N, C-alpha and C. Protein backbone atom coordinates (compact mmCIF):
# COMPACT_ATOMS: atom_id res chain seq x y z
N MET A 1 144.18 39.86 -78.96
CA MET A 1 143.29 40.37 -78.07
C MET A 1 144.00 40.78 -77.03
N GLU A 2 143.43 42.08 -76.30
CA GLU A 2 144.13 42.68 -75.22
C GLU A 2 144.07 41.80 -74.36
N ARG A 3 145.15 42.24 -73.63
CA ARG A 3 145.75 41.04 -72.42
C ARG A 3 144.55 41.10 -71.28
N SER A 4 143.83 41.97 -71.10
CA SER A 4 142.57 41.98 -70.32
C SER A 4 141.46 40.98 -70.76
N TYR A 5 141.38 40.91 -72.22
CA TYR A 5 140.33 40.21 -72.59
C TYR A 5 141.16 38.74 -72.65
N SER A 6 142.19 38.53 -73.06
CA SER A 6 143.00 37.20 -72.87
C SER A 6 142.66 36.70 -71.34
N ASP A 7 142.86 37.31 -70.31
CA ASP A 7 142.75 36.85 -68.86
C ASP A 7 141.45 36.61 -68.88
N ALA A 8 140.53 37.21 -69.55
CA ALA A 8 138.79 37.06 -69.53
C ALA A 8 138.74 35.64 -69.73
N ASP A 9 139.51 35.48 -70.98
CA ASP A 9 139.14 34.23 -71.90
C ASP A 9 139.68 32.80 -71.19
N ARG A 10 140.65 33.20 -70.22
CA ARG A 10 140.91 31.98 -69.61
C ARG A 10 140.09 31.91 -68.38
N ARG A 11 139.87 32.59 -67.69
CA ARG A 11 138.50 32.61 -66.86
C ARG A 11 137.60 31.86 -67.14
N ALA A 12 137.06 32.46 -68.36
CA ALA A 12 135.57 31.85 -68.97
C ALA A 12 135.93 30.29 -69.25
N GLY A 13 137.29 30.09 -69.56
CA GLY A 13 137.29 28.68 -69.88
C GLY A 13 137.52 27.76 -68.70
N ARG A 14 138.13 28.34 -67.63
CA ARG A 14 138.27 27.62 -66.20
C ARG A 14 136.53 27.16 -65.64
N VAL A 15 135.57 28.66 -65.69
CA VAL A 15 134.24 28.26 -65.51
C VAL A 15 133.39 27.30 -66.26
N LEU A 16 133.61 27.37 -67.71
CA LEU A 16 133.04 26.40 -68.28
C LEU A 16 133.76 24.73 -67.92
N ASP A 17 134.74 24.68 -67.61
CA ASP A 17 135.58 23.51 -67.49
C ASP A 17 134.76 22.98 -66.11
N ALA A 18 134.71 24.04 -65.12
CA ALA A 18 133.94 23.44 -63.54
C ALA A 18 132.71 23.19 -64.06
N VAL A 19 131.84 23.96 -65.08
CA VAL A 19 130.57 23.55 -65.08
C VAL A 19 130.34 22.17 -65.61
N ALA A 20 131.20 22.05 -66.59
CA ALA A 20 131.14 20.72 -67.23
C ALA A 20 131.41 19.57 -66.33
N ARG A 21 132.41 19.86 -65.27
CA ARG A 21 132.86 18.78 -64.40
C ARG A 21 131.61 18.60 -63.33
N SER A 22 130.61 19.53 -63.31
CA SER A 22 129.52 19.63 -62.23
C SER A 22 128.53 18.56 -62.67
N GLY A 23 128.50 18.21 -63.82
CA GLY A 23 127.30 17.36 -64.52
C GLY A 23 126.15 18.07 -64.34
N SER A 24 126.21 19.52 -64.30
CA SER A 24 124.75 20.21 -64.36
C SER A 24 124.27 20.08 -65.88
N ARG A 25 122.98 19.63 -66.05
CA ARG A 25 122.33 19.83 -67.39
C ARG A 25 122.11 20.68 -68.02
N ARG A 26 121.59 21.96 -67.15
CA ARG A 26 120.99 23.04 -67.39
C ARG A 26 121.45 24.33 -66.67
N PRO A 27 122.91 24.60 -66.61
CA PRO A 27 123.76 25.62 -65.77
C PRO A 27 122.98 27.12 -66.21
N LEU A 28 123.17 28.05 -65.28
CA LEU A 28 122.76 29.40 -65.46
C LEU A 28 124.25 30.09 -65.03
N LEU A 29 124.71 30.73 -66.17
CA LEU A 29 125.84 31.52 -66.06
C LEU A 29 125.71 33.12 -66.21
N VAL A 30 125.81 33.78 -65.26
CA VAL A 30 125.42 35.22 -65.14
C VAL A 30 126.96 35.99 -65.07
N SER A 31 126.82 37.10 -66.02
CA SER A 31 128.13 37.79 -66.18
C SER A 31 128.15 39.01 -66.63
N HIS A 32 129.17 39.93 -66.71
CA HIS A 32 129.26 41.32 -67.06
C HIS A 32 129.70 41.02 -68.78
N GLU A 33 129.80 42.04 -69.22
CA GLU A 33 130.21 42.19 -70.74
C GLU A 33 131.42 41.71 -71.27
N MET A 34 132.33 41.69 -70.39
CA MET A 34 133.80 41.39 -71.02
C MET A 34 133.68 39.36 -71.20
N ILE A 35 133.09 38.97 -69.88
CA ILE A 35 133.58 37.52 -69.44
C ILE A 35 132.12 36.72 -70.67
N GLY A 36 131.07 37.67 -70.77
CA GLY A 36 130.08 37.20 -71.53
C GLY A 36 130.57 37.04 -72.88
N ARG A 37 131.29 37.83 -73.57
CA ARG A 37 131.79 37.71 -74.61
C ARG A 37 132.86 36.73 -74.66
N MET A 38 133.69 36.52 -73.99
CA MET A 38 134.64 35.10 -73.42
C MET A 38 134.00 33.90 -73.50
N LEU A 39 132.68 34.09 -72.73
CA LEU A 39 132.08 32.64 -72.77
C LEU A 39 131.57 32.51 -74.20
N ALA A 40 130.58 33.58 -74.70
CA ALA A 40 130.39 32.93 -76.11
C ALA A 40 131.39 32.56 -76.97
N LYS A 41 132.48 33.32 -76.98
CA LYS A 41 133.67 32.88 -77.96
C LYS A 41 133.89 31.38 -77.67
N GLN A 42 133.96 30.94 -76.26
CA GLN A 42 134.15 29.63 -76.32
C GLN A 42 133.32 28.70 -76.70
N LEU A 43 131.90 28.86 -76.26
CA LEU A 43 130.49 28.12 -76.50
C LEU A 43 130.50 28.17 -77.65
N ALA A 44 130.54 29.11 -78.54
CA ALA A 44 130.15 28.91 -80.04
C ALA A 44 131.25 28.73 -80.88
N GLY A 45 132.51 28.27 -80.48
CA GLY A 45 133.87 28.55 -81.28
C GLY A 45 133.94 29.72 -82.09
N LEU A 46 133.86 30.79 -81.62
CA LEU A 46 133.97 32.02 -82.25
C LEU A 46 135.45 32.38 -82.39
N SER A 47 135.83 33.30 -83.18
CA SER A 47 137.30 33.49 -83.25
C SER A 47 137.40 34.90 -82.34
N PRO A 48 138.45 35.02 -81.79
CA PRO A 48 138.77 36.50 -81.08
C PRO A 48 138.07 37.64 -81.56
N ALA A 49 138.02 37.76 -82.76
CA ALA A 49 137.49 38.94 -83.41
C ALA A 49 136.07 39.03 -83.34
N GLU A 50 135.51 37.72 -83.85
CA GLU A 50 134.04 37.67 -83.75
C GLU A 50 133.34 37.91 -82.51
N ALA A 51 134.38 37.32 -81.33
CA ALA A 51 133.75 37.58 -80.18
C ALA A 51 133.72 38.98 -79.50
N LEU A 52 134.82 39.54 -79.91
CA LEU A 52 135.19 41.08 -79.38
C LEU A 52 134.08 41.88 -80.26
N GLY A 53 133.48 41.35 -81.52
CA GLY A 53 132.48 42.17 -81.92
C GLY A 53 131.62 42.30 -82.20
N ARG A 54 130.82 41.08 -81.20
CA ARG A 54 129.60 40.74 -80.54
C ARG A 54 128.83 42.20 -79.93
N ASP A 55 127.36 42.23 -80.17
CA ASP A 55 126.49 43.09 -79.42
C ASP A 55 126.34 42.19 -78.22
N GLN A 56 126.86 42.90 -77.19
CA GLN A 56 126.76 41.95 -75.94
C GLN A 56 125.75 42.97 -74.79
N PRO A 57 124.78 43.34 -74.82
CA PRO A 57 123.86 44.20 -74.03
C PRO A 57 124.10 43.47 -72.51
N SER A 58 123.76 44.17 -71.61
CA SER A 58 124.03 43.70 -70.15
C SER A 58 122.72 43.21 -69.64
N ASP A 59 121.50 43.28 -70.25
CA ASP A 59 120.08 42.84 -70.18
C ASP A 59 119.36 41.95 -70.98
N VAL A 60 120.31 41.14 -71.33
CA VAL A 60 119.73 40.02 -72.24
C VAL A 60 120.08 38.53 -71.54
N ILE A 61 119.15 37.91 -72.27
CA ILE A 61 119.22 36.29 -71.98
C ILE A 61 119.76 35.28 -72.93
N TYR A 62 120.42 34.69 -73.05
CA TYR A 62 121.23 33.91 -74.14
C TYR A 62 120.98 32.44 -73.63
N VAL A 63 120.38 31.66 -74.72
CA VAL A 63 120.33 30.30 -74.50
C VAL A 63 121.33 29.56 -75.50
N VAL A 64 122.51 28.71 -74.87
CA VAL A 64 123.05 27.73 -75.97
C VAL A 64 122.80 26.60 -76.26
N GLY A 65 122.60 26.27 -77.48
CA GLY A 65 122.39 24.83 -77.81
C GLY A 65 123.33 23.81 -78.05
N GLY A 66 123.09 22.65 -77.98
CA GLY A 66 123.78 21.52 -78.12
C GLY A 66 124.61 21.62 -79.38
N ASP A 67 124.10 22.46 -80.22
CA ASP A 67 125.06 22.71 -81.69
C ASP A 67 125.78 23.89 -81.42
N ARG A 68 126.10 24.59 -80.13
CA ARG A 68 126.68 25.83 -79.82
C ARG A 68 126.29 26.72 -80.63
N THR A 69 125.09 26.49 -81.00
CA THR A 69 124.45 27.99 -81.36
C THR A 69 123.83 28.65 -80.14
N ILE A 70 123.91 30.25 -80.23
CA ILE A 70 123.64 31.26 -79.07
C ILE A 70 122.43 31.64 -79.44
N GLY A 71 121.36 31.54 -78.90
CA GLY A 71 120.11 32.33 -79.40
C GLY A 71 119.71 33.20 -78.28
N ARG A 72 119.34 34.21 -78.76
CA ARG A 72 118.86 35.57 -77.95
C ARG A 72 117.44 35.48 -77.54
N LEU A 73 117.25 35.23 -76.17
CA LEU A 73 115.62 35.21 -75.79
C LEU A 73 114.69 36.60 -75.58
N ARG A 74 115.67 37.27 -74.58
CA ARG A 74 114.63 38.77 -74.63
C ARG A 74 115.58 39.50 -73.99
N SER A 75 115.60 40.66 -74.24
CA SER A 75 116.01 41.99 -72.90
C SER A 75 115.13 42.64 -72.50
N ALA A 76 115.48 43.60 -71.50
CA ALA A 76 114.71 44.08 -70.50
C ALA A 76 113.73 45.12 -71.28
N SER A 77 114.81 45.70 -72.28
CA SER A 77 113.72 46.72 -73.30
C SER A 77 112.60 46.06 -74.15
N GLU A 78 112.90 44.96 -74.24
CA GLU A 78 111.75 44.02 -75.37
C GLU A 78 110.67 43.76 -74.40
N LEU A 79 111.03 43.73 -72.97
CA LEU A 79 109.83 43.40 -72.24
C LEU A 79 108.95 44.76 -71.96
N GLY A 80 109.16 45.83 -72.05
CA GLY A 80 108.33 46.81 -71.85
C GLY A 80 108.76 47.63 -70.80
């Protein structure tokens, strides 16, 4: 991974650790493209190549399941 993605991956990991320590049952994380990819990488156990190859639009809502699956709810363009 490029250095900037490696840095983003570490930042995403720190955020996820903080969320886990908070005890929040349904946290909401809002991010831009790079951090979104790295959050998906860590949450779903993706490889760096899989994370970087993901379609990561900026107007979409994802839900992460307990089994580490990531589901796409909707994007602004789908809302009409």
